[in-house]
C-alpha atoms as a PDB file:
ATOM      1  CA  GLY A   1    -100.856 187.240  16.181  1.00  0.00           C
ATOM      2  CA  ALA A   2    -104.828 186.343  16.151  1.00  0.00           C
ATOM      3  CA  CYS A   3    -104.808 184.765  13.226  1.00  0.00           C
ATOM      4  CA  LEU A   4    -102.753 181.765  15.147  1.00  0.00           C
ATOM      5  CA  SER A   5    -103.928 182.094  18.508  1.00  0.00           C
ATOM      6  CA  ALA A   6    -107.314 180.917  16.734  1.00  0.00           C
ATOM      7  CA  CYS A   7    -105.972 178.357  14.929  1.00  0.00           C
ATOM      8  CA  ILE A   8    -104.934 177.071  18.472  1.00  0.00           C
ATOM      9  CA  VAL A   9    -107.988 177.058  19.530  1.00  0.00           C
ATOM     10  CA  TYR A  10    -109.477 175.573  16.369  1.00  0.00           C
ATOM     11  CA  PHE A  11    -106.815 172.660  17.978  1.00  0.00           C
ATOM     12  CA  THR A  12    -107.560 172.562  21.014  1.00  0.00           C
ATOM     13  CA  PHE A  13    -111.345 172.760  21.318  1.00  0.00           C
ATOM     14  CA  ARG A  14    -112.216 170.532  18.016  1.00  0.00           C
ATOM     15  CA  LYS A  15    -109.253 168.640  17.567  1.00  0.00           C
ATOM     16  CA  GLU A  16    -110.351 168.185  13.891  1.00  0.00           C
ATOM     17  CA  LYS A  17    -109.149 168.784  10.637  1.00  0.00           C
ATOM     18  CA  GLY A  18    -106.627 171.759  11.204  1.00  0.00           C
ATOM     19  CA  ALA A  19    -104.953 174.263   9.331  1.00  0.00           C
ATOM     20  CA  ILE A  20    -102.160 177.328   9.964  1.00  0.00           C
ATOM     21  CA  PRO A  21    -102.268 180.010   7.104  1.00  0.00           C
ATOM     22  CA  LYS A  22    -100.370 179.778   4.611  1.00  0.00           C
ATOM     23  CA  SER A  23     -97.945 182.687   5.514  1.00  0.00           C
ATOM     24  CA  GLY A  24     -94.088 183.061   5.616  1.00  0.00           C
ATOM     25  CA  LYS A  25     -94.780 185.374   8.219  1.00  0.00           C
ATOM     26  CA  LEU A  26     -94.650 182.739  10.803  1.00  0.00           C
ATOM     27  CA  THR A  27     -91.749 181.302  13.081  1.00  0.00           C
ATOM     28  CA  GLU A  28     -92.051 179.502  15.538  1.00  0.00           C
ATOM     29  CA  VAL A  29     -94.879 178.433  16.969  1.00  0.00           C
ATOM     30  CA  ASP A  30     -95.942 176.503  20.054  1.00  0.00           C
ATOM     31  CA  LEU A  31     -98.674 173.590  19.788  1.00  0.00           C
ATOM     32  CA  PRO A  32    -101.361 172.982  23.174  1.00  0.00           C
ATOM     33  CA  ASP A  33    -101.296 169.627  24.765  1.00  0.00           C
ATOM     34  CA  SER A  34    -104.049 169.073  23.548  1.00  0.00           C
ATOM     35  CA  LEU A  35    -103.736 168.711  19.579  1.00  0.00           C
ATOM     36  CA  VAL A  36    -104.214 165.646  18.335  1.00  0.00           C
ATOM     37  CA  THR A  37    -103.838 165.599  14.394  1.00  0.00           C
ATOM     38  CA  VAL A  38    -101.720 167.522  12.150  1.00  0.00           C
ATOM     39  CA  GLU A  39    -103.466 166.984   8.825  1.00  0.00           C
ATOM     40  CA  ASP A  40    -102.058 167.931   5.565  1.00  0.00           C
ATOM     41  CA  GLN A  41    -100.115 170.394   4.392  1.00  0.00           C
ATOM     42  CA  ALA A  42    -101.040 171.402   7.813  1.00  0.00           C
ATOM     43  CA  PHE A  43     -98.312 174.020   7.601  1.00  0.00           C
ATOM     44  CA  ALA A  44     -97.807 174.694   4.330  1.00  0.00           C
ATOM     45  CA  ILE A  45     -95.885 178.003   3.058  1.00  0.00           C
ATOM     46  CA  CYS A  46     -94.655 178.828   6.639  1.00  0.00           C
ATOM     47  CA  GLY A  47     -91.653 180.444   8.393  1.00  0.00           C
ATOM     48  CA  LEU A  48     -91.161 177.448  10.481  1.00  0.00           C
ATOM     49  CA  THR A  49     -87.261 176.466  11.020  1.00  0.00           C
ATOM     50  CA  GLU A  50     -87.999 173.804  13.691  1.00  0.00           C
ATOM     51  CA  VAL A  51     -90.967 172.087  15.634  1.00  0.00           C
ATOM     52  CA  THR A  52     -92.457 169.295  17.560  1.00  0.00           C
ATOM     53  CA  VAL A  53     -95.098 167.315  17.653  1.00  0.00           C
ATOM     54  CA  GLY A  54     -96.411 166.258  20.926  1.00  0.00           C
ATOM     55  CA  ALA A  55     -97.453 163.234  22.601  1.00  0.00           C
ATOM     56  CA  ASN A  56    -100.441 163.499  22.419  1.00  0.00           C
ATOM     57  CA  VAL A  57    -100.169 163.595  17.768  1.00  0.00           C
ATOM     58  CA  SER A  58    -101.520 160.357  17.182  1.00  0.00           C
ATOM     59  CA  THR A  59    -101.518 161.208  13.503  1.00  0.00           C
ATOM     60  CA  VAL A  60     -99.204 163.206  11.264  1.00  0.00           C
ATOM     61  CA  GLY A  61    -100.950 164.003   7.667  1.00  0.00           C
ATOM     62  CA  THR A  62     -98.444 163.912   4.176  1.00  0.00           C
ATOM     63  CA  GLU A  63     -96.421 167.053   4.079  1.00  0.00           C
ATOM     64  CA  ALA A  64     -97.877 168.947   7.261  1.00  0.00           C
ATOM     65  CA  PHE A  65     -94.510 170.758   8.223  1.00  0.00           C
ATOM     66  CA  CYS A  66     -93.901 171.585   4.321  1.00  0.00           C
ATOM     67  CA  CYS A  67     -91.876 174.973   5.248  1.00  0.00           C
ATOM     68  CA  GLU A  68     -89.110 175.846   2.919  1.00  0.00           C
ATOM     69  CA  ASN A  69     -86.844 177.058   6.219  1.00  0.00           C
ATOM     70  CA  LEU A  70     -88.090 174.225   8.673  1.00  0.00           C
ATOM     71  CA  THR A  71     -84.432 171.959   9.350  1.00  0.00           C
ATOM     72  CA  ALA A  72     -85.795 169.630  12.208  1.00  0.00           C
ATOM     73  CA  ILE A  73     -88.760 168.877  12.960  1.00  0.00           C
ATOM     74  CA  TYR A  74     -88.591 166.977  17.388  1.00  0.00           C
ATOM     75  CA  VAL A  75     -91.079 164.401  18.974  1.00  0.00           C
ATOM     76  CA  ASP A  76     -92.205 165.221  22.207  1.00  0.00           C
ATOM     77  CA  GLU A  77     -90.284 161.813  24.236  1.00  0.00           C
ATOM     78  CA  ALA A  78     -93.924 160.802  26.027  1.00  0.00           C
ATOM     79  CA  ASN A  79     -95.152 160.496  22.153  1.00  0.00           C
ATOM     80  CA  PRO A  80     -95.900 156.105  21.391  1.00  0.00           C
ATOM     81  CA  ASP A  81     -95.762 155.841  18.030  1.00  0.00           C
ATOM     82  CA  TYR A  82     -94.371 159.525  16.259  1.00  0.00           C
ATOM     83  CA  TYR A  83     -90.478 160.073  17.350  1.00  0.00           C
ATOM     84  CA  SER A  84     -87.641 162.059  15.590  1.00  0.00           C
ATOM     85  CA  TRP A  85     -84.551 161.246  14.702  1.00  0.00           C
ATOM     86  CA  ASN A  86     -81.422 163.688  13.222  1.00  0.00           C
ATOM     87  CA  GLY A  87     -84.748 165.811  12.831  1.00  0.00           C
ATOM     88  CA  LEU A  88     -86.622 163.792  10.672  1.00  0.00           C
ATOM     89  CA  LEU A  89     -89.811 162.464  12.013  1.00  0.00           C
ATOM     90  CA  PHE A  90     -90.404 158.727  11.995  1.00  0.00           C
ATOM     91  CA  HIS A  91     -93.789 157.147  12.971  1.00  0.00           C
ATOM     92  CA  VAL A  92     -93.221 153.331  14.168  1.00  0.00           C
ATOM     93  CA  GLY A  93     -89.911 153.141  12.289  1.00  0.00           C
ATOM     94  CA  ASN A  94     -91.260 154.960   8.668  1.00  0.00           C
ATOM     95  CA  LEU A  95     -90.152 157.846   7.274  1.00  0.00           C
ATOM     96  CA  VAL A  96     -92.345 160.391   7.838  1.00  0.00           C
ATOM     97  CA  GLN A  97     -91.282 163.547   6.106  1.00  0.00           C
ATOM     98  CA  VAL A  98     -87.494 164.648   5.256  1.00  0.00           C
ATOM     99  CA  PRO A  99     -87.331 168.345   6.853  1.00  0.00           C
ATOM    100  CA  LEU A 100     -87.469 171.117   3.974  1.00  0.00           C
ATOM    101  CA  ALA A 101     -83.873 173.328   4.888  1.00  0.00           C
ATOM    102  CA  MET A 102     -82.185 169.831   5.985  1.00  0.00           C
ATOM    103  CA  GLU A 103     -78.771 169.259   3.845  1.00  0.00           C
ATOM    104  CA  GLY A 104     -76.442 166.591   2.443  1.00  0.00           C
ATOM    105  CA  ALA A 105     -76.503 163.222   1.862  1.00  0.00           C
ATOM    106  CA  LEU A 106     -79.110 161.398   4.295  1.00  0.00           C
ATOM    107  CA  VAL A 107     -78.387 157.943   5.636  1.00  0.00           C
ATOM    108  CA  LEU A 108     -81.488 156.195   6.632  1.00  0.00           C
ATOM    109  CA  PRO A 109     -81.364 154.279  10.075  1.00  0.00           C
ATOM    110  CA  GLU A 110     -81.309 150.544   9.932  1.00  0.00           C
ATOM    111  CA  GLN A 111     -84.983 150.414  11.184  1.00  0.00           C
ATOM    112  CA  THR A 112     -86.508 152.306   8.696  1.00  0.00           C
ATOM    113  CA  PHE A 113     -89.462 150.091   7.102  1.00  0.00           C
ATOM    114  CA  SER A 114     -90.153 152.366   4.850  1.00  0.00           C
ATOM    115  CA  ILE A 115     -90.447 154.981   3.313  1.00  0.00           C
ATOM    116  CA  TYR A 116     -93.310 157.309   3.183  1.00  0.00           C
ATOM    117  CA  PRO A 117     -95.520 159.430   0.632  1.00  0.00           C
ATOM    118  CA  TYR A 118     -94.145 162.536  -0.115  1.00  0.00           C
ATOM    119  CA  ALA A 119     -91.312 161.834   2.209  1.00  0.00           C
ATOM    120  CA  LEU A 120     -88.232 163.558   0.540  1.00  0.00           C
ATOM    121  CA  SER A 121     -90.580 166.183  -1.651  1.00  0.00           C
ATOM    122  CA  GLY A 122     -89.344 169.371  -1.255  1.00  0.00           C
ATOM    123  CA  CYS A 123     -86.092 168.575   0.650  1.00  0.00           C
ATOM    124  CA  LYS A 124     -82.332 169.850  -0.501  1.00  0.00           C
ATOM    125  CA  VAL A 125     -80.493 166.719   0.354  1.00  0.00           C
ATOM    126  CA  THR A 126     -78.137 165.385  -2.717  1.00  0.00           C
ATOM    127  CA  GLY A 127     -78.225 161.466  -1.554  1.00  0.00           C
ATOM    128  CA  VAL A 128     -80.405 159.334   0.256  1.00  0.00           C
ATOM    129  CA  THR A 129     -79.273 155.643   1.461  1.00  0.00           C
ATOM    130  CA  VAL A 130     -81.906 153.237   2.671  1.00  0.00           C
ATOM    131  CA  PRO A 131     -81.378 150.548   4.856  1.00  0.00           C
ATOM    132  CA  ALA A 132     -81.743 146.741   4.368  1.00  0.00           C
ATOM    133  CA  TYR A 133     -84.800 146.161   6.911  1.00  0.00           C
ATOM    134  CA  CYS A 134     -86.589 148.612   4.149  1.00  0.00           C
ATOM    135  CA  GLY A 135     -89.232 146.619   2.667  1.00  0.00           C
ATOM    136  CA  GLU A 136     -91.537 149.693   1.016  1.00  0.00           C
ATOM    137  CA  LEU A 137     -91.807 152.444  -0.425  1.00  0.00           C
ATOM    138  CA  ASN A 138     -95.167 153.953  -0.521  1.00  0.00           C
ATOM    139  CA  GLU A 139     -96.234 156.326  -3.242  1.00  0.00           C
ATOM    140  CA  PHE A 140     -94.670 158.687  -4.231  1.00  0.00           C
ATOM    141  CA  ALA A 141     -92.162 158.443  -1.510  1.00  0.00           C
ATOM    142  CA  LEU A 142     -89.406 159.616  -3.262  1.00  0.00           C
ATOM    143  CA  ALA A 143     -91.802 162.380  -5.435  1.00  0.00           C
ATOM    144  CA  GLY A 144     -90.026 166.283  -5.662  1.00  0.00           C
ATOM    145  CA  ALA A 145     -87.463 166.043  -4.210  1.00  0.00           C
ATOM    146  CA  ASP A 146     -85.925 168.126  -7.590  1.00  0.00           C
ATOM    147  CA  GLU A 147     -82.370 167.837  -5.690  1.00  0.00           C
ATOM    148  CA  LEU A 148     -82.007 164.326  -4.926  1.00  0.00           C
ATOM    149  CA  GLU A 149     -79.137 163.178  -7.268  1.00  0.00           C
ATOM    150  CA  THR A 150     -78.077 159.518  -5.892  1.00  0.00           C
ATOM    151  CA  ILE A 151     -79.070 157.105  -4.632  1.00  0.00           C
ATOM    152  CA  GLN A 152     -78.234 153.889  -2.632  1.00  0.00           C
ATOM    153  CA  PHE A 153     -80.680 151.165  -1.031  1.00  0.00           C
ATOM    154  CA  ARG A 154     -78.190 148.329   0.861  1.00  0.00           C
ATOM    155  CA  GLY A 155     -80.029 146.239   0.094  1.00  0.00           C
ATOM    156  CA  ASP A 156     -83.435 143.180  -0.907  1.00  0.00           C
ATOM    157  CA  ALA A 157     -85.032 145.097  -3.599  1.00  0.00           C
ATOM    158  CA  PRO A 158     -88.136 147.224  -1.698  1.00  0.00           C
ATOM    159  CA  VAL A 159     -91.784 147.501  -3.101  1.00  0.00           C
ATOM    160  CA  ILE A 160     -91.939 150.285  -5.532  1.00  0.00           C
ATOM    161  CA  PRO A 161     -94.803 151.857  -6.962  1.00  0.00           C
ATOM    162  CA  ALA A 162     -95.361 153.134 -10.271  1.00  0.00           C
ATOM    163  CA  ASN A 163     -94.748 156.684  -9.016  1.00  0.00           C
ATOM    164  CA  ALA A 164     -92.529 156.285  -6.447  1.00  0.00           C
ATOM    165  CA  PHE A 165     -89.605 158.763  -8.143  1.00  0.00           C
ATOM    166  CA  ASP A 166     -91.796 161.219  -9.478  1.00  0.00           C
ATOM    167  CA  ALA A 167     -89.654 164.191 -10.992  1.00  0.00           C
ATOM    168  CA  VAL A 168     -86.511 162.428  -9.830  1.00  0.00           C
ATOM    169  CA  THR A 169     -84.207 162.477 -11.514  1.00  0.00           C
ATOM    170  CA  ALA A 170     -81.205 160.751 -10.707  1.00  0.00           C
ATOM    171  CA  VAL A 171     -78.538 157.548 -10.114  1.00  0.00           C
ATOM    172  CA  VAL A 172     -79.524 154.641  -8.445  1.00  0.00           C
ATOM    173  CA  THR A 173     -77.433 151.538  -6.515  1.00  0.00           C
ATOM    174  CA  TYR A 174     -77.875 148.279  -5.666  1.00  0.00           C
ATOM    175  CA  PRO A 175     -76.275 145.307  -3.973  1.00  0.00           C
ATOM    176  CA  GLY A 176     -75.328 143.707  -7.597  1.00  0.00           C
ATOM    177  CA  GLY A 177     -74.913 140.273  -5.968  1.00  0.00           C
ATOM    178  CA  ASN A 178     -77.787 140.460  -5.110  1.00  0.00           C
ATOM    179  CA  THR A 179     -80.647 138.777  -7.098  1.00  0.00           C
ATOM    180  CA  THR A 180     -84.160 140.398  -6.463  1.00  0.00           C
ATOM    181  CA  TRP A 181     -82.578 143.348  -8.854  1.00  0.00           C
ATOM    182  CA  THR A 182     -84.521 142.271 -11.754  1.00  0.00           C
ATOM    183  CA  ASP A 183     -84.728 143.807 -14.905  1.00  0.00           C
ATOM    184  CA  GLU A 184     -88.861 144.410 -13.585  1.00  0.00           C
ATOM    185  CA  VAL A 185     -87.638 145.810 -10.534  1.00  0.00           C
ATOM    186  CA  LYS A 186     -85.076 148.755 -12.248  1.00  0.00           C
ATOM    187  CA  GLN A 187     -88.139 151.102 -14.108  1.00  0.00           C
ATOM    188  CA  ASN A 188     -87.607 154.455 -14.072  1.00  0.00           C
ATOM    189  CA  TYR A 189     -90.693 154.522 -11.278  1.00  0.00           C
ATOM    190  CA  GLY A 190     -91.995 158.557 -12.550  1.00  0.00           C
ATOM    191  CA  GLY A 191     -88.639 159.752 -13.193  1.00  0.00           C
ATOM    192  CA  THR A 192     -85.470 159.705 -15.183  1.00  0.00           C
ATOM    193  CA  ILE A 193     -83.289 157.164 -12.834  1.00  0.00           C
ATOM    194  CA  GLU A 194     -79.556 155.162 -14.158  1.00  0.00           C
ATOM    195  CA  TRP A 195     -79.315 151.887 -12.378  1.00  0.00           C
ATOM    196  CA  GLN A 196     -76.078 150.626 -11.264  1.00  0.00           C
ATOM    197  CA  PRO A 197     -75.131 147.720  -9.671  1.00  0.00           C
ATOM    198  CA  GLU A 198     -72.742 148.426  -6.134  1.00  0.00           C
ATOM    199  CA  GLY A 199     -70.385 145.822  -5.169  1.00  0.00           C
ATOM    200  CA  GLU A 200     -71.346 142.971  -3.252  1.00  0.00           C
ATOM    201  CA  ASP A 201     -74.397 141.977  -1.631  1.00  0.00           C
ATOM    202  CA  LEU A 202     -74.107 145.162   1.024  1.00  0.00           C
ATOM    203  CA  VAL A 203     -76.309 143.881   3.866  1.00  0.00           C
ATOM    204  CA  ALA A 204     -75.128 142.928   7.676  1.00  0.00           C
ATOM    205  CA  TYR A 205     -77.221 143.134  10.414  1.00  0.00           C
ATOM    206  CA  GLY A 206     -75.520 144.520  13.998  1.00  0.00           C
ATOM    207  CA  TYR A 207     -76.631 145.814  17.011  1.00  0.00           C
ATOM    208  CA  CYS A 208     -75.225 149.084  17.029  1.00  0.00           C
ATOM    209  CA  GLY A 209     -77.738 151.234  19.930  1.00  0.00           C
ATOM    210  CA  GLU A 210     -81.326 150.691  21.066  1.00  0.00           C
ATOM    211  CA  ASN A 211     -83.035 149.660  18.776  1.00  0.00           C
ATOM    212  CA  SER A 212     -81.201 148.912  15.896  1.00  0.00           C
ATOM    213  CA  TYR A 213     -78.497 146.378  14.541  1.00  0.00           C
ATOM    214  CA  CYS A 214     -75.653 146.572  11.714  1.00  0.00           C
ATOM    215  CA  GLY A 215     -72.144 144.163  11.919  1.00  0.00           C
ATOM    216  CA  LYS A 216     -73.034 141.516  13.209  1.00  0.00           C
ATOM    217  CA  GLU A 217     -75.601 138.372  13.204  1.00  0.00           C
ATOM    218  CA  ASN A 218     -79.831 139.456  12.708  1.00  0.00           C
ATOM    219  CA  PRO A 219     -80.303 138.245  15.763  1.00  0.00           C
ATOM    220  CA  HIS A 220     -83.974 137.251  14.851  1.00  0.00           C
END
């Protein structure tokens, strides 16, 4: 429509801040190749089911694609910094956003280094597995994931800020034989958390695909 076209023109020629009007009627959008920035909540409350981040996008803001029907976020293969993995949006190894309509249990890829703010906000996943390589949860990383029931950590205790689990009620498991999981670490972080040890240390490394390790000795 005219409003969408105006927004696209804004993106194309200004290459600055911009946002699509908050409307559930917007179900698809063709972002221009000249787009370099998608601002915080740029597509909030839209009806998009899929979206593709272009090759020249260098910045994607917090909750940029906050659409309740969104099932996947794709990325042009020519983009040097952002990429899609099973519909999830990543930025150089860091989880940026989980589509809101994604359901079930989510197992993050082994080389997930951190989780960005509000990456799971509003999504429908009921469980998430955080791999051993993940060393940091950013502020409000899992905040707003209302349907989240279980969180599994598979390695050393990462850096967890005070509000990382804001408003989350979940059972969190961790490797029982791993001494980095001290009583000081096992806090609520803004949510209601039940901590449970799980077996022995689950850390495992090995090559199982391009740029990923799971099963053998860490080559580094």
